[in-house]
Amino acid sequence: MNIQEEIICRLQILIQKADQVNATYKPNPPGVIGFSTLSSELFSEWQAQSISYLINLLGEHHTYVEKFKEKVK
């Protein structure tokens, strides 16, 4: 497997994991104000793996990495 295939394969795995996280979505009951919920364990796992992927691909201080970190806090 060449480097491009490895990058695509890992990205596909992260997309599948994101789908698993999204499948845990639970909206708030009617009249309840606040954030909807996701599995915090699956989200944290996806978040860490995604950040690691981006850092390995682009470098720790790349603009995309920094923006992604901001968005997935």
N, C-alpha and C. Protein backbone atom coordinates (compact mmCIF):
# COMPACT_ATOMS: atom_id res chain seq x y z
N MET A 1 0.85 -1.18 0.00
CA MET A 1 0.00 0.00 0.00
C MET A 1 0.89 1.24 0.00
N ASN A 2 0.64 2.15 -0.92
CA ASN A 2 1.44 3.37 -0.97
C ASN A 2 0.89 4.41 0.02
N ILE A 3 1.61 5.49 0.15
CA ILE A 3 1.27 6.52 1.14
C ILE A 3 -0.11 7.12 0.91
N GLN A 4 -0.47 7.35 -0.35
CA GLN A 4 -1.79 7.91 -0.65
C GLN A 4 -2.90 6.95 -0.24
N GLU A 5 -2.71 5.68 -0.48
CA GLU A 5 -3.70 4.68 -0.09
C GLU A 5 -3.82 4.60 1.43
N GLU A 6 -2.70 4.72 2.13
CA GLU A 6 -2.72 4.70 3.60
C GLU A 6 -3.48 5.91 4.14
N ILE A 7 -3.24 7.08 3.55
CA ILE A 7 -3.93 8.30 3.97
C ILE A 7 -5.42 8.16 3.77
N ILE A 8 -5.81 7.66 2.62
CA ILE A 8 -7.24 7.49 2.31
C ILE A 8 -7.87 6.44 3.22
N CYS A 9 -7.18 5.36 3.46
CA CYS A 9 -7.70 4.29 4.31
C CYS A 9 -7.94 4.80 5.74
N ARG A 10 -6.96 5.51 6.27
CA ARG A 10 -7.11 6.04 7.64
C ARG A 10 -8.24 7.06 7.70
N LEU A 11 -8.36 7.89 6.68
CA LEU A 11 -9.44 8.87 6.63
C LEU A 11 -10.80 8.18 6.58
N GLN A 12 -10.90 7.11 5.82
CA GLN A 12 -12.16 6.36 5.75
C GLN A 12 -12.52 5.76 7.12
N ILE A 13 -11.53 5.29 7.85
CA ILE A 13 -11.77 4.77 9.19
C ILE A 13 -12.29 5.87 10.11
N LEU A 14 -11.71 7.05 10.02
CA LEU A 14 -12.16 8.17 10.84
C LEU A 14 -13.58 8.60 10.48
N ILE A 15 -13.91 8.54 9.21
CA ILE A 15 -15.27 8.87 8.77
C ILE A 15 -16.26 7.85 9.32
N GLN A 16 -15.90 6.58 9.28
CA GLN A 16 -16.77 5.54 9.84
C GLN A 16 -16.97 5.73 11.34
N LYS A 17 -15.89 6.09 12.03
CA LYS A 17 -15.99 6.34 13.47
C LYS A 17 -16.87 7.55 13.75
N ALA A 18 -16.77 8.58 12.92
CA ALA A 18 -17.64 9.75 13.07
C ALA A 18 -19.10 9.36 12.89
N ASP A 19 -19.36 8.48 11.95
CA ASP A 19 -20.73 7.97 11.76
C ASP A 19 -21.21 7.24 13.01
N GLN A 20 -20.33 6.48 13.65
CA GLN A 20 -20.68 5.79 14.89
C GLN A 20 -21.00 6.79 16.00
N VAL A 21 -20.20 7.84 16.08
CA VAL A 21 -20.45 8.88 17.08
C VAL A 21 -21.80 9.53 16.80
N ASN A 22 -22.05 9.90 15.57
CA ASN A 22 -23.33 10.54 15.21
C ASN A 22 -24.53 9.64 15.50
N ALA A 23 -24.33 8.34 15.41
CA ALA A 23 -25.42 7.40 15.68
C ALA A 23 -25.83 7.40 17.15
N THR A 24 -24.99 7.95 18.02
CA THR A 24 -25.32 8.00 19.45
C THR A 24 -26.05 9.29 19.82
N TYR A 25 -26.35 10.12 18.85
CA TYR A 25 -27.02 11.40 19.09
C TYR A 25 -28.36 11.20 19.79
N LYS A 26 -28.54 11.96 20.86
CA LYS A 26 -29.82 11.95 21.58
C LYS A 26 -30.26 13.40 21.77
N PRO A 27 -31.35 13.79 21.14
CA PRO A 27 -31.82 15.17 21.32
C PRO A 27 -32.37 15.36 22.73
N ASN A 28 -32.42 16.58 23.14
CA ASN A 28 -33.02 16.89 24.43
C ASN A 28 -34.51 16.66 24.40
N PRO A 29 -35.08 16.25 25.53
CA PRO A 29 -36.54 16.13 25.59
C PRO A 29 -37.19 17.50 25.37
N PRO A 30 -38.44 17.51 24.94
CA PRO A 30 -39.13 18.79 24.74
C PRO A 30 -39.09 19.65 26.02
N GLY A 31 -38.79 20.91 25.84
CA GLY A 31 -38.76 21.85 26.95
C GLY A 31 -37.45 21.90 27.70
N VAL A 32 -36.50 21.04 27.36
CA VAL A 32 -35.21 21.03 28.05
C VAL A 32 -34.23 21.85 27.22
N ILE A 33 -33.60 22.80 27.88
CA ILE A 33 -32.63 23.66 27.20
C ILE A 33 -31.23 23.14 27.51
N GLY A 34 -30.41 23.10 26.51
CA GLY A 34 -29.03 22.64 26.69
C GLY A 34 -28.54 21.95 25.44
N PHE A 35 -27.38 21.38 25.57
CA PHE A 35 -26.77 20.71 24.44
C PHE A 35 -27.32 19.29 24.29
N SER A 36 -27.51 18.88 23.07
CA SER A 36 -27.85 17.49 22.79
C SER A 36 -26.66 16.63 23.18
N THR A 37 -26.88 15.34 23.30
CA THR A 37 -25.79 14.49 23.78
C THR A 37 -25.32 13.50 22.73
N LEU A 38 -24.05 13.16 22.85
CA LEU A 38 -23.41 12.10 22.08
C LEU A 38 -22.66 11.23 23.08
N SER A 39 -22.26 10.07 22.68
CA SER A 39 -21.42 9.24 23.54
C SER A 39 -20.08 9.97 23.73
N SER A 40 -19.82 10.37 24.96
CA SER A 40 -18.59 11.12 25.23
C SER A 40 -17.35 10.24 25.01
N GLU A 41 -17.46 8.95 25.29
CA GLU A 41 -16.32 8.06 25.08
C GLU A 41 -15.98 7.93 23.59
N LEU A 42 -17.00 7.67 22.77
CA LEU A 42 -16.75 7.54 21.33
C LEU A 42 -16.29 8.87 20.74
N PHE A 43 -16.88 9.97 21.20
CA PHE A 43 -16.48 11.28 20.68
C PHE A 43 -15.02 11.56 21.03
N SER A 44 -14.63 11.31 22.27
CA SER A 44 -13.24 11.58 22.69
C SER A 44 -12.25 10.73 21.89
N GLU A 45 -12.63 9.49 21.64
CA GLU A 45 -11.78 8.60 20.85
C GLU A 45 -11.62 9.13 19.43
N TRP A 46 -12.74 9.49 18.81
CA TRP A 46 -12.71 10.04 17.44
C TRP A 46 -11.92 11.34 17.42
N GLN A 47 -12.15 12.21 18.40
CA GLN A 47 -11.47 13.50 18.46
C GLN A 47 -9.95 13.31 18.52
N ALA A 48 -9.48 12.47 19.42
CA ALA A 48 -8.04 12.25 19.57
C ALA A 48 -7.43 11.65 18.31
N GLN A 49 -8.11 10.66 17.73
CA GLN A 49 -7.59 10.03 16.52
C GLN A 49 -7.58 11.00 15.34
N SER A 50 -8.58 11.84 15.25
CA SER A 50 -8.65 12.81 14.15
C SER A 50 -7.55 13.86 14.27
N ILE A 51 -7.34 14.34 15.48
CA ILE A 51 -6.27 15.33 15.69
C ILE A 51 -4.92 14.71 15.39
N SER A 52 -4.71 13.49 15.85
CA SER A 52 -3.45 12.80 15.57
C SER A 52 -3.24 12.64 14.07
N TYR A 53 -4.29 12.25 13.37
CA TYR A 53 -4.22 12.09 11.91
C TYR A 53 -3.81 13.39 11.24
N LEU A 54 -4.46 14.47 11.61
CA LEU A 54 -4.17 15.77 10.99
C LEU A 54 -2.75 16.24 11.31
N ILE A 55 -2.32 16.04 12.55
CA ILE A 55 -0.96 16.44 12.92
C ILE A 55 0.07 15.65 12.12
N ASN A 56 -0.14 14.34 12.00
CA ASN A 56 0.79 13.51 11.22
C ASN A 56 0.80 13.89 9.75
N LEU A 57 -0.35 14.30 9.24
CA LEU A 57 -0.47 14.64 7.83
C LEU A 57 0.05 16.04 7.52
N LEU A 58 -0.30 17.01 8.40
CA LEU A 58 -0.04 18.41 8.09
C LEU A 58 0.98 19.10 8.99
N GLY A 59 1.23 18.56 10.15
CA GLY A 59 2.10 19.21 11.12
C GLY A 59 1.28 19.87 12.21
N GLU A 60 1.84 19.91 13.40
CA GLU A 60 1.09 20.35 14.59
C GLU A 60 0.57 21.78 14.51
N HIS A 61 1.29 22.66 13.86
CA HIS A 61 0.90 24.07 13.87
C HIS A 61 0.24 24.53 12.57
N HIS A 62 -0.17 23.60 11.75
CA HIS A 62 -0.88 23.94 10.51
C HIS A 62 -2.22 24.58 10.87
N THR A 63 -2.63 25.54 10.08
CA THR A 63 -3.88 26.25 10.31
C THR A 63 -5.07 25.31 10.41
N TYR A 64 -5.14 24.32 9.55
CA TYR A 64 -6.26 23.38 9.58
C TYR A 64 -6.31 22.59 10.88
N VAL A 65 -5.13 22.21 11.38
CA VAL A 65 -5.06 21.48 12.65
C VAL A 65 -5.56 22.36 13.79
N GLU A 66 -5.09 23.59 13.83
CA GLU A 66 -5.49 24.50 14.89
C GLU A 66 -6.99 24.80 14.83
N LYS A 67 -7.52 25.01 13.65
CA LYS A 67 -8.96 25.27 13.50
C LYS A 67 -9.79 24.05 13.90
N PHE A 68 -9.33 22.87 13.51
CA PHE A 68 -10.04 21.65 13.86
C PHE A 68 -10.08 21.49 15.38
N LYS A 69 -8.95 21.71 16.04
CA LYS A 69 -8.90 21.61 17.51
C LYS A 69 -9.91 22.57 18.14
N GLU A 70 -10.00 23.79 17.62
CA GLU A 70 -10.95 24.78 18.15
C GLU A 70 -12.39 24.29 18.00
N LYS A 71 -12.69 23.71 16.86
CA LYS A 71 -14.07 23.32 16.55
C LYS A 71 -14.54 22.08 17.29
N VAL A 72 -13.62 21.21 17.69
CA VAL A 72 -14.05 19.95 18.31
C VAL A 72 -13.75 19.89 19.81
N LYS A 73 -13.69 21.03 20.44
CA LYS A 73 -13.46 21.06 21.90
C LYS A 73 -14.60 20.41 22.62
